[in-house]
Amino acid sequence: MFLNRLLLFIMALCLGSLLVRMHLPIPFLLGGLLTALLCKTLTHRSDVSWPKQWREYALMVAGYGIGSTFTADTWNNFLAELVGVAEATIVILAASIALAFVTAKLARENLKSCIMGMLPGGMTLTMLLCEDDKEVNPNVVMVMQILRLLGVVITVPFLVIWLLNAQVTGSSVALPNHGGVHWLVVVPLSILGSFIATKIHMPTPKLLGPILATAAFSVFDGGVQPVPFWLMAAAQASIGLFMGMQLDADRIVKTEKMVPYILIGTAILIVVSIGMANVLSARYSFSLVTAFLAMAPGGIAEMSLAGMSMGENVSIILTYQLVRVLVINIFIPPLLAWWFKAKQA
């Protein structure tokens, strides 16, 4: 088993290196993702997997890398753009819920399952809720969340290059070094952030904890050095391998009638994101690529890493993505519980 995983990891790094030479964004994450998908598609082996614990270690490294881009100016920008952040969050959530209603009606599927499956950035929370809610179909939620996330992660970086004329200026692994505390601070900072986030039941604690801890340290201490190329490349490959391994053919077969609606819904969310990105870009004068990645219905790590590779304002992307994830994880569960309880009354 260990040798199989080691071979997968090496293949992911090799494919990621090839994508670097092709000047593609988030190359090692895409390398891991494509390696896992190819392995599952071509070999049909059920004994190949990627440990969740390894993915969580990788998220801690990525969280440090993302958090290190946060500065005092970022916080000031957030306060100045508070209205835009709120509008962006409301628009993408409203679009997601509207699409969930349409999908549930056309596919004749459970509405609560469709809402949980369509929420952008709430994959961890929705899967936990599925375990406690017998009214929800976990297969539907899992397939919807994974296909949406994979669709966004694969298509959005290419869309911003082909449609918005963005250019890959780096690999999203070799981050600029502006001085500051040595990168080895990643170890205590990430562990501390992850520990506190887990204790207070923060969503996706292995990622958000290190992001917030590093960002706070960076703001108050004046900055930290980025992690080295090889460590960020390994972290991206690990995240990509875990994502790819989550796509289970059996789950898709059980919910095959949902797949067209999921793909169309994801495409509509991306279009809505582009529309709102134009509004934000014109209002706040940051680039359209930054605004699009900030709005895109993907994950914090994936969209932030894509922004790094294109030389975009990662702190803006992080802020908008982070606020949306926190809103989804803090406010959506009680609202869903209230809504469906009121309907049953």
C-alpha atoms as a PDB file:
ATOM      1  CA  MET A   1       0.000   0.000   0.000  1.00  0.00           C
ATOM      2  CA  PHE A   2       2.787   2.415   0.938  1.00  0.00           C
ATOM      3  CA  LEU A   3       4.677   1.664  -2.289  1.00  0.00           C
ATOM      4  CA  ASN A   4       1.521   2.289  -4.333  1.00  0.00           C
ATOM      5  CA  ARG A   5       1.055   5.668  -2.649  1.00  0.00           C
ATOM      6  CA  LEU A   6       4.716   6.559  -3.106  1.00  0.00           C
ATOM      7  CA  LEU A   7       4.451   5.741  -6.814  1.00  0.00           C
ATOM      8  CA  LEU A   8       1.313   7.877  -7.069  1.00  0.00           C
ATOM      9  CA  PHE A   9       3.095  10.757  -5.364  1.00  0.00           C
ATOM     10  CA  ILE A  10       6.088  10.531  -7.685  1.00  0.00           C
ATOM     11  CA  MET A  11       3.791  10.432 -10.721  1.00  0.00           C
ATOM     12  CA  ALA A  12       1.924  13.492  -9.422  1.00  0.00           C
ATOM     13  CA  LEU A  13       5.188  15.421  -9.010  1.00  0.00           C
ATOM     14  CA  CYS A  14       6.344  14.419 -12.502  1.00  0.00           C
ATOM     15  CA  LEU A  15       3.059  15.460 -14.077  1.00  0.00           C
ATOM     16  CA  GLY A  16       3.112  18.675 -12.044  1.00  0.00           C
ATOM     17  CA  SER A  17       6.624  19.428 -13.320  1.00  0.00           C
ATOM     18  CA  LEU A  18       5.356  18.959 -16.873  1.00  0.00           C
ATOM     19  CA  LEU A  19       2.487  21.364 -16.223  1.00  0.00           C
ATOM     20  CA  VAL A  20       4.983  23.900 -14.833  1.00  0.00           C
ATOM     21  CA  ARG A  21       6.831  23.789 -18.163  1.00  0.00           C
ATOM     22  CA  MET A  22       3.493  24.343 -19.926  1.00  0.00           C
ATOM     23  CA  HIS A  23       2.988  27.487 -17.783  1.00  0.00           C
ATOM     24  CA  LEU A  24      -0.293  26.227 -16.333  1.00  0.00           C
ATOM     25  CA  PRO A  25      -1.637  27.466 -12.976  1.00  0.00           C
ATOM     26  CA  ILE A  26      -1.591  25.357  -9.770  1.00  0.00           C
ATOM     27  CA  PRO A  27       0.493  22.744 -11.651  1.00  0.00           C
ATOM     28  CA  PHE A  28       1.219  20.320  -8.820  1.00  0.00           C
ATOM     29  CA  LEU A  29      -2.342  20.376  -7.496  1.00  0.00           C
ATOM     30  CA  LEU A  30      -3.615  19.627 -11.005  1.00  0.00           C
ATOM     31  CA  GLY A  31      -0.865  17.019 -11.349  1.00  0.00           C
ATOM     32  CA  GLY A  32      -2.068  15.216  -8.233  1.00  0.00           C
ATOM     33  CA  LEU A  33      -5.701  15.509  -9.270  1.00  0.00           C
ATOM     34  CA  LEU A  34      -5.121  14.174 -12.787  1.00  0.00           C
ATOM     35  CA  THR A  35      -2.855  11.373 -11.505  1.00  0.00           C
ATOM     36  CA  ALA A  36      -5.554  10.158  -9.123  1.00  0.00           C
ATOM     37  CA  LEU A  37      -8.273  10.337 -11.785  1.00  0.00           C
ATOM     38  CA  LEU A  38      -6.131   8.484 -14.323  1.00  0.00           C
ATOM     39  CA  CYS A  39      -5.269   5.814 -11.755  1.00  0.00           C
ATOM     40  CA  LYS A  40      -8.892   5.213 -10.808  1.00  0.00           C
ATOM     41  CA  THR A  41     -10.100   5.325 -14.418  1.00  0.00           C
ATOM     42  CA  LEU A  42      -7.458   3.135 -16.041  1.00  0.00           C
ATOM     43  CA  THR A  43      -6.705   0.583 -13.324  1.00  0.00           C
ATOM     44  CA  HIS A  44     -10.151   0.252 -11.678  1.00  0.00           C
ATOM     45  CA  ARG A  45      -8.357  -0.701  -8.462  1.00  0.00           C
ATOM     46  CA  SER A  46     -10.235  -0.256  -5.203  1.00  0.00           C
ATOM     47  CA  ASP A  47      -7.193  -0.668  -2.961  1.00  0.00           C
ATOM     48  CA  VAL A  48      -5.529   2.599  -4.030  1.00  0.00           C
ATOM     49  CA  SER A  49      -6.265   5.561  -1.779  1.00  0.00           C
ATOM     50  CA  TRP A  50      -4.716   8.708  -0.336  1.00  0.00           C
ATOM     51  CA  PRO A  51      -4.862   9.172   3.460  1.00  0.00           C
ATOM     52  CA  LYS A  52      -6.915  12.088   4.703  1.00  0.00           C
ATOM     53  CA  GLN A  53      -4.249  12.778   7.324  1.00  0.00           C
ATOM     54  CA  TRP A  54      -1.651  13.387   4.596  1.00  0.00           C
ATOM     55  CA  ARG A  55      -4.041  15.804   2.903  1.00  0.00           C
ATOM     56  CA  GLU A  56      -4.503  17.657   6.207  1.00  0.00           C
ATOM     57  CA  TYR A  57      -0.746  18.057   6.674  1.00  0.00           C
ATOM     58  CA  ALA A  58      -0.627  19.470   3.146  1.00  0.00           C
ATOM     59  CA  LEU A  59      -3.461  21.870   3.942  1.00  0.00           C
ATOM     60  CA  MET A  60      -1.443  23.191   6.886  1.00  0.00           C
ATOM     61  CA  VAL A  61       1.456  23.985   4.545  1.00  0.00           C
ATOM     62  CA  ALA A  62      -0.877  25.578   1.982  1.00  0.00           C
ATOM     63  CA  GLY A  63      -2.597  27.505   4.781  1.00  0.00           C
ATOM     64  CA  TYR A  64       0.736  28.944   5.872  1.00  0.00           C
ATOM     65  CA  GLY A  65       1.589  29.904   2.297  1.00  0.00           C
ATOM     66  CA  ILE A  66      -1.760  31.616   1.773  1.00  0.00           C
ATOM     67  CA  GLY A  67      -1.763  33.321   5.170  1.00  0.00           C
ATOM     68  CA  SER A  68       1.733  34.707   4.589  1.00  0.00           C
ATOM     69  CA  THR A  69       0.313  36.920   1.829  1.00  0.00           C
ATOM     70  CA  PHE A  70      -1.933  38.704   4.332  1.00  0.00           C
ATOM     71  CA  THR A  71      -0.713  42.134   5.469  1.00  0.00           C
ATOM     72  CA  ALA A  72      -1.983  45.164   7.364  1.00  0.00           C
ATOM     73  CA  ASP A  73      -3.017  46.653   4.015  1.00  0.00           C
ATOM     74  CA  THR A  74      -5.166  43.586   3.397  1.00  0.00           C
ATOM     75  CA  TRP A  75      -7.110  44.213   6.592  1.00  0.00           C
ATOM     76  CA  ASN A  76      -7.621  47.864   5.672  1.00  0.00           C
ATOM     77  CA  ASN A  77      -8.799  46.863   2.204  1.00  0.00           C
ATOM     78  CA  PHE A  78     -11.279  44.422   3.719  1.00  0.00           C
ATOM     79  CA  LEU A  79     -12.816  47.145   5.880  1.00  0.00           C
ATOM     80  CA  ALA A  80     -13.020  49.464   2.883  1.00  0.00           C
ATOM     81  CA  GLU A  81     -14.655  46.760   0.739  1.00  0.00           C
ATOM     82  CA  LEU A  82     -17.024  45.361   3.365  1.00  0.00           C
ATOM     83  CA  VAL A  83     -20.106  46.144   1.265  1.00  0.00           C
ATOM     84  CA  GLY A  84     -18.615  44.390  -1.752  1.00  0.00           C
ATOM     85  CA  VAL A  85     -17.681  41.325   0.293  1.00  0.00           C
ATOM     86  CA  ALA A  86     -21.250  41.104   1.632  1.00  0.00           C
ATOM     87  CA  GLU A  87     -22.774  41.557  -1.832  1.00  0.00           C
ATOM     88  CA  ALA A  88     -20.489  38.944  -3.371  1.00  0.00           C
ATOM     89  CA  THR A  89     -21.351  36.424  -0.650  1.00  0.00           C
ATOM     90  CA  ILE A  90     -25.096  37.004  -0.956  1.00  0.00           C
ATOM     91  CA  VAL A  91     -25.073  36.784  -4.763  1.00  0.00           C
ATOM     92  CA  ILE A  92     -23.174  33.485  -4.974  1.00  0.00           C
ATOM     93  CA  LEU A  93     -25.214  31.899  -2.147  1.00  0.00           C
ATOM     94  CA  ALA A  94     -28.517  33.043  -3.674  1.00  0.00           C
ATOM     95  CA  ALA A  95     -27.494  31.628  -7.050  1.00  0.00           C
ATOM     96  CA  SER A  96     -26.442  28.333  -5.453  1.00  0.00           C
ATOM     97  CA  ILE A  97     -29.699  27.909  -3.549  1.00  0.00           C
ATOM     98  CA  ALA A  98     -31.794  28.852  -6.607  1.00  0.00           C
ATOM     99  CA  LEU A  99     -29.937  26.243  -8.679  1.00  0.00           C
ATOM    100  CA  ALA A 100     -30.491  23.678  -5.920  1.00  0.00           C
ATOM    101  CA  PHE A 101     -34.262  24.275  -6.106  1.00  0.00           C
ATOM    102  CA  VAL A 102     -34.235  23.855  -9.906  1.00  0.00           C
ATOM    103  CA  THR A 103     -32.044  20.744  -9.715  1.00  0.00           C
ATOM    104  CA  ALA A 104     -34.249  19.139  -7.066  1.00  0.00           C
ATOM    105  CA  LYS A 105     -37.359  19.734  -9.160  1.00  0.00           C
ATOM    106  CA  LEU A 106     -35.946  18.566 -12.502  1.00  0.00           C
ATOM    107  CA  ALA A 107     -34.085  15.561 -11.089  1.00  0.00           C
ATOM    108  CA  ARG A 108     -36.857  14.747  -8.585  1.00  0.00           C
ATOM    109  CA  GLU A 109     -34.336  14.579  -5.792  1.00  0.00           C
ATOM    110  CA  ASN A 110     -34.428  15.550  -2.114  1.00  0.00           C
ATOM    111  CA  LEU A 111     -34.295  19.373  -1.834  1.00  0.00           C
ATOM    112  CA  LYS A 112     -32.144  19.426   1.304  1.00  0.00           C
ATOM    113  CA  SER A 113     -29.609  17.123  -0.364  1.00  0.00           C
ATOM    114  CA  CYS A 114     -29.439  19.405  -3.405  1.00  0.00           C
ATOM    115  CA  ILE A 115     -28.961  22.542  -1.304  1.00  0.00           C
ATOM    116  CA  MET A 116     -26.133  20.927   0.665  1.00  0.00           C
ATOM    117  CA  GLY A 117     -24.584  19.631  -2.523  1.00  0.00           C
ATOM    118  CA  MET A 118     -24.639  22.956  -4.340  1.00  0.00           C
ATOM    119  CA  LEU A 119     -23.266  25.208  -1.565  1.00  0.00           C
ATOM    120  CA  PRO A 120     -19.835  26.518  -2.656  1.00  0.00           C
ATOM    121  CA  GLY A 121     -17.093  26.066  -0.086  1.00  0.00           C
ATOM    122  CA  GLY A 122     -19.098  23.921   2.309  1.00  0.00           C
ATOM    123  CA  MET A 123     -17.917  20.433   1.381  1.00  0.00           C
ATOM    124  CA  THR A 124     -16.495  19.491   4.776  1.00  0.00           C
ATOM    125  CA  LEU A 125     -19.500  20.773   6.685  1.00  0.00           C
ATOM    126  CA  THR A 126     -22.121  19.265   4.388  1.00  0.00           C
ATOM    127  CA  MET A 127     -20.553  15.818   4.574  1.00  0.00           C
ATOM    128  CA  LEU A 128     -20.549  16.017   8.371  1.00  0.00           C
ATOM    129  CA  LEU A 129     -24.205  17.092   8.377  1.00  0.00           C
ATOM    130  CA  CYS A 130     -25.095  14.143   6.155  1.00  0.00           C
ATOM    131  CA  GLU A 131     -23.962  11.766   8.869  1.00  0.00           C
ATOM    132  CA  ASP A 132     -26.485  13.221  11.323  1.00  0.00           C
ATOM    133  CA  ASP A 133     -29.441  13.899   8.994  1.00  0.00           C
ATOM    134  CA  LYS A 134     -31.315  10.831   7.763  1.00  0.00           C
ATOM    135  CA  GLU A 135     -33.366  12.965   5.340  1.00  0.00           C
ATOM    136  CA  VAL A 136     -30.267  13.712   3.272  1.00  0.00           C
ATOM    137  CA  ASN A 137     -28.904  11.426   0.563  1.00  0.00           C
ATOM    138  CA  PRO A 138     -25.112  11.354   1.153  1.00  0.00           C
ATOM    139  CA  ASN A 139     -24.427  10.049  -2.360  1.00  0.00           C
ATOM    140  CA  VAL A 140     -26.122  13.078  -3.907  1.00  0.00           C
ATOM    141  CA  VAL A 141     -24.294  15.533  -1.650  1.00  0.00           C
ATOM    142  CA  MET A 142     -20.898  13.905  -2.180  1.00  0.00           C
ATOM    143  CA  VAL A 143     -21.204  13.699  -5.976  1.00  0.00           C
ATOM    144  CA  MET A 144     -22.534  17.267  -6.268  1.00  0.00           C
ATOM    145  CA  GLN A 145     -19.796  18.732  -4.068  1.00  0.00           C
ATOM    146  CA  ILE A 146     -16.954  16.802  -5.685  1.00  0.00           C
ATOM    147  CA  LEU A 147     -18.035  17.398  -9.290  1.00  0.00           C
ATOM    148  CA  ARG A 148     -18.585  21.104  -8.578  1.00  0.00           C
ATOM    149  CA  LEU A 149     -15.201  21.460  -6.914  1.00  0.00           C
ATOM    150  CA  LEU A 150     -13.354  19.470  -9.575  1.00  0.00           C
ATOM    151  CA  GLY A 151     -15.144  21.373 -12.324  1.00  0.00           C
ATOM    152  CA  VAL A 152     -14.191  24.735 -10.834  1.00  0.00           C
ATOM    153  CA  VAL A 153     -10.603  23.775 -10.003  1.00  0.00           C
ATOM    154  CA  ILE A 154      -9.989  22.448 -13.517  1.00  0.00           C
ATOM    155  CA  THR A 155     -11.874  25.068 -15.566  1.00  0.00           C
ATOM    156  CA  VAL A 156     -11.476  28.372 -13.697  1.00  0.00           C
ATOM    157  CA  PRO A 157      -7.658  28.674 -14.019  1.00  0.00           C
ATOM    158  CA  PHE A 158      -7.910  28.043 -17.769  1.00  0.00           C
ATOM    159  CA  LEU A 159     -10.852  30.426 -18.161  1.00  0.00           C
ATOM    160  CA  VAL A 160      -8.955  33.314 -16.614  1.00  0.00           C
ATOM    161  CA  ILE A 161      -6.055  32.637 -18.993  1.00  0.00           C
ATOM    162  CA  TRP A 162      -8.067  32.197 -22.169  1.00  0.00           C
ATOM    163  CA  LEU A 163     -10.962  34.608 -21.555  1.00  0.00           C
ATOM    164  CA  LEU A 164      -9.439  37.240 -19.279  1.00  0.00           C
ATOM    165  CA  ASN A 165      -5.928  37.220 -20.783  1.00  0.00           C
ATOM    166  CA  ALA A 166      -4.245  36.391 -17.471  1.00  0.00           C
ATOM    167  CA  GLN A 167      -0.655  35.212 -17.551  1.00  0.00           C
ATOM    168  CA  VAL A 168       1.062  32.648 -15.365  1.00  0.00           C
ATOM    169  CA  THR A 169       3.936  34.567 -13.817  1.00  0.00           C
ATOM    170  CA  GLY A 170       5.013  31.814 -11.421  1.00  0.00           C
ATOM    171  CA  SER A 171       4.125  28.289 -10.484  1.00  0.00           C
ATOM    172  CA  SER A 172       2.142  29.103  -7.346  1.00  0.00           C
ATOM    173  CA  VAL A 173       4.813  27.184  -5.482  1.00  0.00           C
ATOM    174  CA  ALA A 174       7.833  29.465  -5.713  1.00  0.00           C
ATOM    175  CA  LEU A 175       6.424  32.387  -3.758  1.00  0.00           C
ATOM    176  CA  PRO A 176       8.180  35.759  -3.543  1.00  0.00           C
ATOM    177  CA  ASN A 177      10.452  36.233  -0.536  1.00  0.00           C
ATOM    178  CA  HIS A 178       9.959  39.620   1.075  1.00  0.00           C
ATOM    179  CA  GLY A 179      12.020  38.813   4.159  1.00  0.00           C
ATOM    180  CA  GLY A 180      10.674  38.377   7.648  1.00  0.00           C
ATOM    181  CA  VAL A 181      10.695  35.416  10.015  1.00  0.00           C
ATOM    182  CA  HIS A 182      12.174  32.196   8.597  1.00  0.00           C
ATOM    183  CA  TRP A 183       9.746  29.792   6.928  1.00  0.00           C
ATOM    184  CA  LEU A 184      10.366  27.108   9.578  1.00  0.00           C
ATOM    185  CA  VAL A 185       7.908  29.085  11.692  1.00  0.00           C
ATOM    186  CA  VAL A 186       5.355  27.192   9.559  1.00  0.00           C
ATOM    187  CA  VAL A 187       5.647  24.264  11.938  1.00  0.00           C
ATOM    188  CA  PRO A 188       4.634  25.879  15.263  1.00  0.00           C
ATOM    189  CA  LEU A 189       2.327  28.410  13.603  1.00  0.00           C
ATOM    190  CA  SER A 190       0.425  25.833  11.573  1.00  0.00           C
ATOM    191  CA  ILE A 191       0.162  23.385  14.461  1.00  0.00           C
ATOM    192  CA  LEU A 192      -1.029  26.095  16.836  1.00  0.00           C
ATOM    193  CA  GLY A 193      -3.533  27.490  14.344  1.00  0.00           C
ATOM    194  CA  SER A 194      -4.842  24.033  13.513  1.00  0.00           C
ATOM    195  CA  PHE A 195      -5.142  23.088  17.202  1.00  0.00           C
ATOM    196  CA  ILE A 196      -7.084  26.231  18.146  1.00  0.00           C
ATOM    197  CA  ALA A 197      -9.335  26.018  15.076  1.00  0.00           C
ATOM    198  CA  THR A 198     -10.154  22.392  15.874  1.00  0.00           C
ATOM    199  CA  LYS A 199     -10.912  23.171  19.518  1.00  0.00           C
ATOM    200  CA  ILE A 200     -13.370  25.961  18.645  1.00  0.00           C
ATOM    201  CA  HIS A 201     -14.963  23.788  15.906  1.00  0.00           C
ATOM    202  CA  MET A 202     -13.992  26.088  13.057  1.00  0.00           C
ATOM    203  CA  PRO A 203     -14.861  24.759   9.570  1.00  0.00           C
ATOM    204  CA  THR A 204     -11.940  23.106   7.733  1.00  0.00           C
ATOM    205  CA  PRO A 205      -9.640  23.734  10.728  1.00  0.00           C
ATOM    206  CA  LYS A 206      -6.510  22.241   9.145  1.00  0.00           C
ATOM    207  CA  LEU A 207      -6.623  24.954   6.482  1.00  0.00           C
ATOM    208  CA  LEU A 208      -8.321  27.941   8.110  1.00  0.00           C
ATOM    209  CA  GLY A 209      -6.384  27.615  11.385  1.00  0.00           C
ATOM    210  CA  PRO A 210      -2.942  27.980   9.763  1.00  0.00           C
ATOM    211  CA  ILE A 211      -4.249  30.709   7.425  1.00  0.00           C
ATOM    212  CA  LEU A 212      -5.562  32.844  10.279  1.00  0.00           C
ATOM    213  CA  ALA A 213      -2.593  32.185  12.586  1.00  0.00           C
ATOM    214  CA  THR A 214      -0.058  33.023   9.875  1.00  0.00           C
ATOM    215  CA  ALA A 215      -2.025  36.054   8.693  1.00  0.00           C
ATOM    216  CA  ALA A 216      -2.209  37.445  12.238  1.00  0.00           C
ATOM    217  CA  PHE A 217       1.505  36.854  12.786  1.00  0.00           C
ATOM    218  CA  SER A 218       2.346  38.405   9.422  1.00  0.00           C
ATOM    219  CA  VAL A 219       0.282  41.533  10.132  1.00  0.00           C
ATOM    220  CA  PHE A 220       1.688  42.139  13.613  1.00  0.00           C
ATOM    221  CA  ASP A 221       5.289  41.058  12.992  1.00  0.00           C
ATOM    222  CA  GLY A 222       5.767  42.552   9.545  1.00  0.00           C
ATOM    223  CA  GLY A 223       5.837  39.408   7.431  1.00  0.00           C
ATOM    224  CA  VAL A 224       7.079  35.825   7.190  1.00  0.00           C
ATOM    225  CA  GLN A 225       9.115  34.046   4.541  1.00  0.00           C
ATOM    226  CA  PRO A 226       7.322  31.660   2.165  1.00  0.00           C
ATOM    227  CA  VAL A 227       7.842  27.920   2.392  1.00  0.00           C
ATOM    228  CA  PRO A 228      10.369  26.466  -0.081  1.00  0.00           C
ATOM    229  CA  PHE A 229       9.411  25.340  -3.572  1.00  0.00           C
ATOM    230  CA  TRP A 230       9.725  21.615  -2.846  1.00  0.00           C
ATOM    231  CA  LEU A 231       7.481  21.725   0.230  1.00  0.00           C
ATOM    232  CA  MET A 232       4.700  23.705  -1.456  1.00  0.00           C
ATOM    233  CA  ALA A 233       4.903  21.415  -4.509  1.00  0.00           C
ATOM    234  CA  ALA A 234       4.548  18.337  -2.286  1.00  0.00           C
ATOM    235  CA  ALA A 235       1.624  19.910  -0.430  1.00  0.00           C
ATOM    236  CA  GLN A 236      -0.196  20.744  -3.660  1.00  0.00           C
ATOM    237  CA  ALA A 237       0.342  17.234  -5.022  1.00  0.00           C
ATOM    238  CA  SER A 238      -1.036  15.705  -1.815  1.00  0.00           C
ATOM    239  CA  ILE A 239      -4.144  17.915  -1.890  1.00  0.00           C
ATOM    240  CA  GLY A 240      -4.736  17.057  -5.540  1.00  0.00           C
ATOM    241  CA  LEU A 241      -4.322  13.318  -4.986  1.00  0.00           C
ATOM    242  CA  PHE A 242      -6.856  13.329  -2.152  1.00  0.00           C
ATOM    243  CA  MET A 243      -9.374  15.320  -4.225  1.00  0.00           C
ATOM    244  CA  GLY A 244      -9.055  12.941  -7.157  1.00  0.00           C
ATOM    245  CA  MET A 245      -9.469   9.875  -4.975  1.00  0.00           C
ATOM    246  CA  GLN A 246     -12.815  11.140  -3.696  1.00  0.00           C
ATOM    247  CA  LEU A 247     -14.461  10.672  -7.076  1.00  0.00           C
ATOM    248  CA  ASP A 248     -16.031   7.237  -6.803  1.00  0.00           C
ATOM    249  CA  ALA A 249     -17.507   5.633  -9.935  1.00  0.00           C
ATOM    250  CA  ASP A 250     -20.073   3.718  -7.864  1.00  0.00           C
ATOM    251  CA  ARG A 251     -21.403   6.943  -6.341  1.00  0.00           C
ATOM    252  CA  ILE A 252     -21.729   8.524  -9.780  1.00  0.00           C
ATOM    253  CA  VAL A 253     -23.604   5.494 -11.120  1.00  0.00           C
ATOM    254  CA  LYS A 254     -26.070   5.725  -8.239  1.00  0.00           C
ATOM    255  CA  THR A 255     -26.720   9.384  -8.987  1.00  0.00           C
ATOM    256  CA  GLU A 256     -26.097   9.463 -12.744  1.00  0.00           C
ATOM    257  CA  LYS A 257     -29.335  11.358 -13.396  1.00  0.00           C
ATOM    258  CA  MET A 258     -27.901  14.233 -11.359  1.00  0.00           C
ATOM    259  CA  VAL A 259     -24.630  14.625 -13.273  1.00  0.00           C
ATOM    260  CA  PRO A 260     -25.936  16.808 -16.169  1.00  0.00           C
ATOM    261  CA  TYR A 261     -27.684  19.158 -13.716  1.00  0.00           C
ATOM    262  CA  ILE A 262     -24.565  19.388 -11.548  1.00  0.00           C
ATOM    263  CA  LEU A 263     -22.340  20.280 -14.507  1.00  0.00           C
ATOM    264  CA  ILE A 264     -24.822  22.826 -15.866  1.00  0.00           C
ATOM    265  CA  GLY A 265     -25.300  24.306 -12.403  1.00  0.00           C
ATOM    266  CA  THR A 266     -21.535  24.634 -11.961  1.00  0.00           C
ATOM    267  CA  ALA A 267     -21.265  26.388 -15.324  1.00  0.00           C
ATOM    268  CA  ILE A 268     -24.038  28.821 -14.322  1.00  0.00           C
ATOM    269  CA  LEU A 269     -22.290  29.569 -11.010  1.00  0.00           C
ATOM    270  CA  ILE A 270     -19.108  30.367 -12.930  1.00  0.00           C
ATOM    271  CA  VAL A 271     -21.020  32.731 -15.228  1.00  0.00           C
ATOM    272  CA  VAL A 272     -22.606  34.451 -12.215  1.00  0.00           C
ATOM    273  CA  SER A 273     -19.123  34.754 -10.689  1.00  0.00           C
ATOM    274  CA  ILE A 274     -17.797  36.449 -13.831  1.00  0.00           C
ATOM    275  CA  GLY A 275     -20.703  38.902 -13.801  1.00  0.00           C
ATOM    276  CA  MET A 276     -20.198  39.841 -10.153  1.00  0.00           C
ATOM    277  CA  ALA A 277     -16.426  39.976 -10.702  1.00  0.00           C
ATOM    278  CA  ASN A 278     -16.941  42.702 -13.306  1.00  0.00           C
ATOM    279  CA  VAL A 279     -18.910  44.729 -10.758  1.00  0.00           C
ATOM    280  CA  LEU A 280     -16.279  44.312  -8.032  1.00  0.00           C
ATOM    281  CA  SER A 281     -13.391  45.048 -10.394  1.00  0.00           C
ATOM    282  CA  ALA A 282     -14.975  48.273 -11.632  1.00  0.00           C
ATOM    283  CA  ARG A 283     -15.903  49.410  -8.133  1.00  0.00           C
ATOM    284  CA  TYR A 284     -12.662  48.665  -6.284  1.00  0.00           C
ATOM    285  CA  SER A 285     -10.135  48.896  -9.136  1.00  0.00           C
ATOM    286  CA  PHE A 286      -8.472  45.525  -8.643  1.00  0.00           C
ATOM    287  CA  SER A 287      -7.981  43.288 -11.673  1.00  0.00           C
ATOM    288  CA  LEU A 288     -10.815  41.297 -13.192  1.00  0.00           C
ATOM    289  CA  VAL A 289      -8.790  38.098 -12.717  1.00  0.00           C
ATOM    290  CA  THR A 290      -8.433  38.782  -8.979  1.00  0.00           C
ATOM    291  CA  ALA A 291     -12.156  39.525  -8.734  1.00  0.00           C
ATOM    292  CA  PHE A 292     -13.075  36.346 -10.632  1.00  0.00           C
ATOM    293  CA  LEU A 293     -10.891  34.108  -8.474  1.00  0.00           C
ATOM    294  CA  ALA A 294     -12.335  35.800  -5.379  1.00  0.00           C
ATOM    295  CA  MET A 295     -15.868  35.030  -6.587  1.00  0.00           C
ATOM    296  CA  ALA A 296     -15.297  31.565  -8.097  1.00  0.00           C
ATOM    297  CA  PRO A 297     -17.247  28.772  -6.332  1.00  0.00           C
ATOM    298  CA  GLY A 298     -14.137  26.722  -5.586  1.00  0.00           C
ATOM    299  CA  GLY A 299     -12.021  26.174  -2.499  1.00  0.00           C
ATOM    300  CA  ILE A 300      -9.957  28.733  -0.593  1.00  0.00           C
ATOM    301  CA  ALA A 301      -6.683  26.896  -1.138  1.00  0.00           C
ATOM    302  CA  GLU A 302      -7.254  26.166  -4.820  1.00  0.00           C
ATOM    303  CA  MET A 303      -8.335  29.678  -5.846  1.00  0.00           C
ATOM    304  CA  SER A 304      -5.668  31.364  -3.707  1.00  0.00           C
ATOM    305  CA  LEU A 305      -2.943  29.159  -5.168  1.00  0.00           C
ATOM    306  CA  ALA A 306      -4.197  29.925  -8.666  1.00  0.00           C
ATOM    307  CA  GLY A 307      -3.981  33.628  -7.829  1.00  0.00           C
ATOM    308  CA  MET A 308      -0.401  33.193  -6.637  1.00  0.00           C
ATOM    309  CA  SER A 309       0.610  31.577  -9.923  1.00  0.00           C
ATOM    310  CA  MET A 310      -0.790  34.526 -11.880  1.00  0.00           C
ATOM    311  CA  GLY A 311       0.657  37.267  -9.722  1.00  0.00           C
ATOM    312  CA  GLU A 312      -2.799  38.394  -8.601  1.00  0.00           C
ATOM    313  CA  ASN A 313      -3.815  39.954  -5.285  1.00  0.00           C
ATOM    314  CA  VAL A 314      -4.062  36.794  -3.171  1.00  0.00           C
ATOM    315  CA  SER A 315      -5.127  38.694  -0.060  1.00  0.00           C
ATOM    316  CA  ILE A 316      -8.269  39.920  -1.864  1.00  0.00           C
ATOM    317  CA  ILE A 317      -9.027  36.407  -3.124  1.00  0.00           C
ATOM    318  CA  LEU A 318      -8.491  34.995   0.361  1.00  0.00           C
ATOM    319  CA  THR A 319     -10.719  37.601   1.999  1.00  0.00           C
ATOM    320  CA  TYR A 320     -13.739  37.027  -0.240  1.00  0.00           C
ATOM    321  CA  GLN A 321     -13.386  33.228  -0.218  1.00  0.00           C
ATOM    322  CA  LEU A 322     -12.867  33.129   3.551  1.00  0.00           C
ATOM    323  CA  VAL A 323     -15.906  35.280   4.361  1.00  0.00           C
ATOM    324  CA  ARG A 324     -18.105  33.094   2.151  1.00  0.00           C
ATOM    325  CA  VAL A 325     -16.894  29.872   3.797  1.00  0.00           C
ATOM    326  CA  LEU A 326     -17.451  31.286   7.290  1.00  0.00           C
ATOM    327  CA  VAL A 327     -20.966  32.484   6.397  1.00  0.00           C
ATOM    328  CA  ILE A 328     -21.860  29.089   4.904  1.00  0.00           C
ATOM    329  CA  ASN A 329     -20.527  27.142   7.869  1.00  0.00           C
ATOM    330  CA  ILE A 330     -21.876  29.408  10.623  1.00  0.00           C
ATOM    331  CA  PHE A 331     -25.265  30.591   9.339  1.00  0.00           C
ATOM    332  CA  ILE A 332     -26.483  28.072   6.758  1.00  0.00           C
ATOM    333  CA  PRO A 333     -26.935  25.001   9.067  1.00  0.00           C
ATOM    334  CA  PRO A 334     -29.335  26.738  11.513  1.00  0.00           C
ATOM    335  CA  LEU A 335     -31.191  28.391   8.618  1.00  0.00           C
ATOM    336  CA  LEU A 336     -31.663  25.037   6.878  1.00  0.00           C
ATOM    337  CA  ALA A 337     -32.836  23.429  10.117  1.00  0.00           C
ATOM    338  CA  TRP A 338     -35.324  26.251  10.706  1.00  0.00           C
ATOM    339  CA  TRP A 339     -36.589  26.243   7.109  1.00  0.00           C
ATOM    340  CA  PHE A 340     -37.263  22.508   6.855  1.00  0.00           C
ATOM    341  CA  LYS A 341     -38.718  22.349  10.357  1.00  0.00           C
ATOM    342  CA  ALA A 342     -41.126  25.175   9.434  1.00  0.00           C
ATOM    343  CA  LYS A 343     -42.133  23.336   6.245  1.00  0.00           C
ATOM    344  CA  GLN A 344     -42.940  20.176   8.205  1.00  0.00           C
ATOM    345  CA  ALA A 345     -44.966  22.040  10.824  1.00  0.00           C
END
